[in-house]
Protein backbone atom coordinates (compact mmCIF):
# COMPACT_ATOMS: atom_id res chain seq x y z
CA MET A 1 98.02 112.48 51.31
CA PRO A 2 96.07 109.25 52.01
CA SER A 3 96.60 106.46 49.54
CA LEU A 4 93.98 105.91 46.87
CA PRO A 5 92.37 102.53 46.11
CA ASN A 6 94.35 100.20 43.91
CA ARG A 7 92.87 97.79 41.39
CA SER A 8 93.22 94.70 43.56
CA SER A 9 91.26 96.11 46.50
CA GLY A 10 89.33 99.02 45.02
CA PHE A 11 86.58 99.47 42.50
CA ALA A 12 86.92 96.15 40.72
CA SER A 13 85.28 94.50 43.72
CA LEU A 14 82.21 96.67 43.22
CA LEU A 15 81.48 95.05 39.88
CA LYS A 16 81.52 91.42 40.91
CA ASP A 17 78.46 89.48 39.80
CA LYS A 18 75.87 89.44 42.52
CA ASP A 19 72.59 88.31 40.98
CA ASN A 20 72.29 86.72 37.57
CA ASN A 21 75.32 88.63 36.29
CA ARG A 22 73.63 91.95 37.02
CA VAL A 23 75.17 94.83 38.92
CA ALA A 24 73.19 97.52 40.72
CA MET A 25 73.24 100.78 38.81
CA SER A 26 74.13 102.52 42.09
CA GLU A 27 77.57 100.90 41.88
CA VAL A 28 78.09 102.19 38.35
CA VAL A 29 77.03 105.61 39.62
CA MET A 30 79.62 105.36 42.41
CA ILE A 31 82.41 104.52 39.99
CA CYS A 32 81.46 107.43 37.72
CA ILE A 33 81.49 109.77 40.71
CA VAL A 34 84.95 108.53 41.70
CA LEU A 35 86.14 109.03 38.12
CA CYS A 36 84.83 112.60 37.95
CA THR A 37 86.25 113.41 41.38
CA SER A 38 89.64 111.99 40.40
CA GLU A 39 89.62 114.08 37.23
CA TYR A 40 88.92 117.21 39.30
CA CYS A 41 91.65 116.33 41.80
CA LEU A 42 94.12 115.64 39.00
CA GLU A 43 93.51 119.05 37.44
CA THR A 44 93.55 120.99 40.69
CA THR A 45 96.67 119.20 41.95
CA GLN A 46 98.52 120.34 38.83
CA GLN A 47 97.23 123.87 39.37
CA LEU A 48 98.27 123.75 43.02
CA GLU A 49 101.79 122.65 42.09
CA ASP A 50 102.08 125.48 39.57
CA LYS A 51 100.79 128.06 42.06
CA ILE A 52 103.16 126.94 44.84
CA LYS A 53 106.10 127.06 42.43
CA GLU A 54 105.14 130.64 41.55
CA LYS A 55 105.17 131.67 45.20
CA ALA A 56 108.27 129.71 46.26
CA GLN A 57 111.82 130.96 46.00
CA GLU A 58 113.61 129.73 42.89
CA ALA A 59 115.94 127.49 44.91
CA TYR A 60 112.94 125.57 46.29
CA ALA A 61 110.58 125.72 43.29
CA GLU A 62 112.44 123.06 41.32
CA LYS A 63 112.10 120.63 44.23
CA ILE A 64 108.30 120.95 44.36
CA SER A 65 106.53 118.09 42.61
CA PHE A 66 103.13 116.48 43.02
CA ASN A 67 103.80 113.93 40.29
CA ALA A 68 103.24 110.97 42.62
CA GLU A 69 99.86 112.31 43.71
CA MET A 70 98.82 113.08 40.13
CA GLU A 71 99.81 109.59 39.07
CA LEU A 72 97.54 108.14 41.75
CA PHE A 73 94.59 110.15 40.45
CA SER A 74 95.40 109.19 36.87
CA ASN A 75 95.61 105.51 37.78
CA THR A 76 92.28 105.76 39.57
CA ILE A 77 90.66 107.17 36.43
CA THR A 78 92.11 104.31 34.38
CA THR A 79 90.80 101.77 36.89
CA CYS A 80 87.33 103.30 36.81
CA LEU A 81 87.22 103.16 33.00
CA GLN A 82 88.39 99.55 32.99
CA ASP A 83 85.73 98.57 35.49
CA LEU A 84 82.96 100.35 33.58
CA VAL A 85 84.00 98.46 30.44
CA SER A 86 84.14 95.18 32.36
CA HIS A 87 80.63 95.86 33.64
CA LEU A 88 79.21 96.30 30.12
CA ASP A 89 81.20 93.31 28.87
CA SER A 90 79.67 91.17 31.60
CA LEU A 91 76.17 92.23 30.57
CA CYS A 92 76.82 91.21 26.97
CA GLU A 93 78.57 87.94 27.80
CA PRO A 94 75.43 85.76 28.10
CA ALA A 95 74.26 86.92 24.67
CA LEU A 96 77.64 86.07 23.13
CA SER A 97 77.46 82.64 24.75
CA ALA A 98 73.96 82.19 23.30
CA MET A 99 75.42 82.44 19.78
CA LEU A 100 77.01 79.02 20.28
CA LYS A 101 73.71 77.42 21.23
CA VAL A 102 72.21 78.07 17.79
CA ASN A 103 72.57 75.33 15.18
CA TRP A 104 73.78 77.55 12.35
CA SER A 105 74.04 74.60 9.96
CA THR A 106 70.31 73.86 9.92
CA LEU A 107 68.74 77.29 9.46
CA ASP A 108 66.45 77.23 6.45
CA SER A 109 65.70 80.95 6.14
CA VAL A 110 66.97 84.37 7.15
CA GLY A 111 64.69 86.31 9.48
CA ASP A 112 64.94 89.37 11.66
CA GLN A 113 68.02 89.90 13.79
CA SER A 114 68.73 87.06 16.19
CA ALA A 115 67.77 87.12 19.86
CA TYR A 116 71.40 87.49 20.98
CA THR A 117 71.72 90.65 18.87
CA THR A 118 68.56 92.11 20.39
CA SER A 119 69.88 91.34 23.87
CA ILE A 120 73.24 93.04 23.27
CA THR A 121 71.52 96.07 21.76
CA ALA A 122 69.19 96.33 24.77
CA HIS A 123 72.11 96.30 27.22
CA LEU A 124 73.92 98.99 25.25
CA ALA A 125 70.77 101.11 25.03
CA ALA A 126 70.23 100.87 28.79
CA THR A 127 73.83 101.41 29.92
CA ILE A 128 75.50 103.84 27.52
CA PRO A 129 73.06 106.78 28.00
CA ALA A 130 73.24 106.38 31.79
CA VAL A 131 77.05 106.47 31.82
CA ARG A 132 77.06 109.38 29.36
CA ASP A 133 74.81 111.39 31.69
CA LEU A 134 76.99 110.56 34.68
CA LEU A 135 80.12 111.65 32.81
CA HIS A 136 78.57 114.70 31.16
CA ASN A 137 81.30 116.92 32.61
CA SER A 138 84.01 114.43 31.61
CA ARG A 139 83.27 114.07 27.92
CA LYS A 140 86.74 112.92 26.96
CA TYR A 141 86.55 110.04 29.42
CA PHE A 142 83.11 109.00 28.16
CA THR A 143 84.55 108.93 24.64
CA ASN A 144 87.46 106.88 25.96
CA TYR A 145 84.99 104.52 27.65
CA CYS A 146 83.18 103.91 24.37
CA LEU A 147 86.47 103.31 22.58
CA LYS A 148 87.71 100.88 25.23
CA PHE A 149 84.45 98.95 25.08
CA ALA A 150 84.62 98.68 21.28
CA ASN A 151 88.22 97.45 21.52
CA SER A 152 87.14 94.85 24.08
CA PHE A 153 83.81 93.70 22.63
CA ILE A 154 84.54 93.42 18.91
CA PRO A 155 87.42 90.89 19.15
CA LYS A 156 85.24 88.77 21.45
CA TYR A 157 82.40 88.92 18.93
CA VAL A 158 84.69 87.92 16.05
CA ASN A 159 86.03 85.04 18.14
CA GLN A 160 82.47 83.87 18.80
CA ILE A 161 81.74 83.91 15.08
CA TYR A 162 84.69 81.58 14.49
CA LYS A 163 83.22 79.21 17.09
CA CYS A 164 79.86 79.01 15.28
CA LYS A 165 80.64 75.89 13.29
CA PRO A 166 79.66 74.41 11.03
CA VAL A 167 77.70 77.21 9.34
CA SER A 168 75.47 76.76 6.31
CA THR A 169 75.09 79.46 3.68
CA VAL A 170 71.77 80.49 5.21
CA GLY A 171 73.33 80.49 8.68
CA ALA A 172 76.14 82.74 7.43
CA GLU A 173 73.58 85.07 5.88
CA GLN A 174 71.76 85.33 9.22
CA LEU A 175 75.01 86.00 11.07
CA LEU A 176 75.88 88.62 8.47
CA LEU A 177 72.55 90.36 9.06
CA ASP A 178 73.18 90.24 12.83
CA THR A 179 76.69 91.60 12.39
CA HIS A 180 75.45 94.50 10.27
CA SER A 181 72.83 95.33 12.91
CA LEU A 182 75.46 95.34 15.66
CA LYS A 183 77.84 97.41 13.58
CA THR A 184 75.14 100.04 13.07
CA VAL A 185 74.49 100.24 16.82
CA LEU A 186 78.18 100.31 17.72
CA LEU A 187 78.87 103.15 15.29
CA GLN A 188 76.19 105.16 17.09
CA LEU A 189 77.42 104.22 20.56
CA PRO A 190 78.64 107.65 21.79
CA SER A 191 75.25 109.26 20.99
CA LEU A 192 73.05 106.21 21.60
CA GLY A 193 69.74 107.30 23.11
CA SER A 194 70.65 110.97 22.90
CA ALA A 195 68.31 113.61 21.50
CA VAL A 196 71.35 115.24 19.92
CA ALA A 197 73.22 113.07 17.43
CA ARG A 198 76.95 113.79 17.59
CA LYS A 199 79.43 112.51 15.08
CA PRO A 200 81.78 110.09 16.88
CA ALA A 201 85.53 110.66 16.94
CA PRO A 202 87.31 109.37 13.82
CA SER A 203 89.43 107.04 15.97
CA PHE A 204 86.27 105.42 17.36
CA THR A 205 84.65 105.04 13.93
CA LYS A 206 87.83 103.46 12.58
CA VAL A 207 88.02 100.86 15.37
CA VAL A 208 84.37 99.84 14.96
CA SER A 209 84.40 99.84 11.18
CA GLN A 210 87.60 97.82 10.83
CA GLY A 211 86.61 95.28 13.47
CA MET A 212 83.06 94.70 12.27
CA VAL A 213 84.00 94.72 8.58
CA ARG A 214 86.39 91.89 9.37
CA ALA A 215 83.50 89.95 10.90
CA GLU A 216 81.44 90.60 7.77
CA MET A 217 84.26 89.46 5.51
CA ILE A 218 84.66 86.22 7.47
CA LEU A 219 80.99 85.44 6.92
CA LYS A 220 81.16 86.33 3.24
CA LEU A 221 84.04 83.88 2.94
CA VAL A 222 81.94 81.16 4.56
CA MET A 223 79.28 81.87 1.93
CA ALA A 224 81.79 81.85 -0.93
CA PRO A 225 81.99 78.76 -3.19
CA SER A 226 85.02 76.56 -2.58
CA GLU A 227 84.99 74.22 -5.55
CA SER A 228 88.17 75.87 -6.79
CA GLN A 229 90.91 75.77 -4.18
CA ILE A 230 92.91 78.56 -5.81
CA ALA A 231 89.89 80.82 -6.20
CA PHE A 232 88.87 80.32 -2.58
CA VAL A 233 92.36 81.08 -1.27
CA GLU A 234 92.43 84.22 -3.42
CA SER A 235 89.04 85.23 -2.01
CA TYR A 236 90.38 84.76 1.51
CA ILE A 237 93.39 86.98 0.85
CA ASN A 238 91.32 89.62 -0.95
CA LEU A 239 88.54 89.80 1.62
CA LEU A 240 90.62 89.59 4.79
CA SER A 241 94.00 90.86 3.57
CA ASP A 242 95.34 88.15 5.82
CA LYS A 243 97.76 85.27 5.24
CA ASP A 244 97.43 83.88 8.76
CA ILE A 245 97.08 80.12 8.39
CA GLY A 246 95.36 79.90 11.79
CA ASP A 247 92.50 82.18 10.75
CA PHE A 248 92.27 80.39 7.39
CA GLN A 249 91.86 77.10 9.26
CA LYS A 250 89.07 78.62 11.35
CA VAL A 251 87.19 79.67 8.23
CA LEU A 252 87.52 76.15 6.82
CA GLU A 253 86.14 74.71 10.05
CA MET A 254 83.17 77.05 9.81
CA LYS A 255 82.49 75.85 6.27
CA GLY A 256 82.39 72.26 7.44
CA SER A 257 84.59 69.18 7.44
CA ARG A 258 83.98 68.27 3.79
CA ASP A 259 85.21 71.66 2.54
CA GLN A 260 88.06 71.55 5.05
CA SER A 261 89.41 68.23 3.84
CA ARG A 262 89.25 69.28 0.24
CA LEU A 263 91.10 72.55 0.80
CA LYS A 264 93.88 71.38 3.11
């Protein structure tokens, strides 16, 4: 059997930025086709092994194994999923970077969701339905794709929130509104743009809810009064259930240098 593409020379190269961080949809289509074909080959290879073992004499049957071939197909599926996630990550990256260009310490009012939130939502709305249609016969892998993206995107988003410093109370309120908007969209990700709303898998809902609730709690901490050192530390532990001094330091930096020096 000819060797299948590996990650270093295969599909990852298809998703390299070519023009303003955009990738032709035809390349996403190609990767989805490869994924679906690999799934078919994986299933039929297992069936072929079972059928040959049935026909072979017992002395030879135990020596028949297509495990190496099935592993190649399985690895190809994994590579395809990773590259599809990387593609969507790359589309959202400029919007995440734009968060750091906003002066969150000088906002004087809370408005509609921020431009970076609208941009991320637009990329999700354009990409997710297309991939879902392409993987309509591979539903479990589409679900896995959504889960992998959530596991990749949410930690990056939380990390960007920590970098938005200093943040005023109004700035934190705006970020909280943005975070709630993104959480709502992410929770709907598997059925985004679909005429039929399907309840996402519990594992997916748990990942999104836990990750985005953490982001919300971080922002609520930034908004919390810090006149009392003990009360603020208790709020941190209660809201984040976290005693990590590194994350605590990040929250103090978001609140500003004056609060930070008082609470050290």
